[in-house]
Amino acid sequence: MRDFSWKYFAMTGDVDAYLLYKESDGTPELSITSEEEEPVEYEENE
């Protein structure tokens, strides 16, 4: 199954196939987290 998911990903670029490949490897998938940033205040030029 691992070889199939890699070949399918290589042929199509399907992200789900890549995630299936990585999951079968035992590697946890990457999670994208966004840290809350403080809002930037800009001064208005008159």
Protein backbone atom coordinates (compact mmCIF):
# COMPACT_ATOMS: atom_id res chain seq x y z
CA MET A 1 0.00 0.00 0.00
CA ARG A 2 2.89 2.33 0.76
CA ASP A 3 4.41 1.92 -2.72
CA PHE A 4 1.03 2.44 -4.36
CA SER A 5 0.32 5.65 -2.46
CA TRP A 6 3.77 7.03 -3.35
CA LYS A 7 3.40 6.15 -7.04
CA TYR A 8 -0.10 7.66 -7.10
CA PHE A 9 1.21 10.83 -5.46
CA ALA A 10 4.13 11.03 -7.88
CA MET A 11 1.82 10.71 -10.88
CA THR A 12 -0.99 12.99 -9.70
CA GLY A 13 0.40 15.28 -6.99
CA ASP A 14 -2.60 14.37 -4.81
CA VAL A 15 -1.90 15.57 -1.27
CA ASP A 16 -4.13 12.90 0.27
CA ALA A 17 -2.01 10.20 -1.36
CA TYR A 18 1.11 11.78 0.14
CA LEU A 19 -0.50 11.93 3.58
CA LEU A 20 -1.47 8.27 3.25
CA TYR A 21 2.14 7.47 2.30
CA LYS A 22 3.48 9.34 5.32
CA GLU A 23 0.90 7.74 7.61
CA SER A 24 1.91 4.25 6.49
CA ASP A 25 5.51 5.15 7.33
CA GLY A 26 4.54 5.84 10.93
CA THR A 27 5.56 9.47 10.61
CA PRO A 28 2.98 11.82 12.12
CA GLU A 29 1.55 14.27 9.63
CA LEU A 30 2.53 17.88 9.93
CA SER A 31 0.12 20.21 11.62
CA ILE A 32 0.06 23.85 10.76
CA THR A 33 -0.57 26.05 13.74
CA SER A 34 -0.89 29.76 13.73
CA GLU A 35 0.26 31.71 16.69
CA GLU A 36 -1.82 34.70 17.55
CA GLU A 37 0.06 37.86 16.77
CA GLU A 38 -0.57 41.25 18.25
CA PRO A 39 -2.27 43.63 15.82
CA VAL A 40 0.00 46.20 14.26
CA GLU A 41 -1.13 49.79 14.66
CA TYR A 42 -0.18 52.20 11.91
CA GLU A 43 -0.04 55.96 12.25
CA GLU A 44 -1.99 57.91 9.67
CA ASN A 45 -0.07 60.57 7.77
CA GLU A 46 -2.05 63.73 7.19
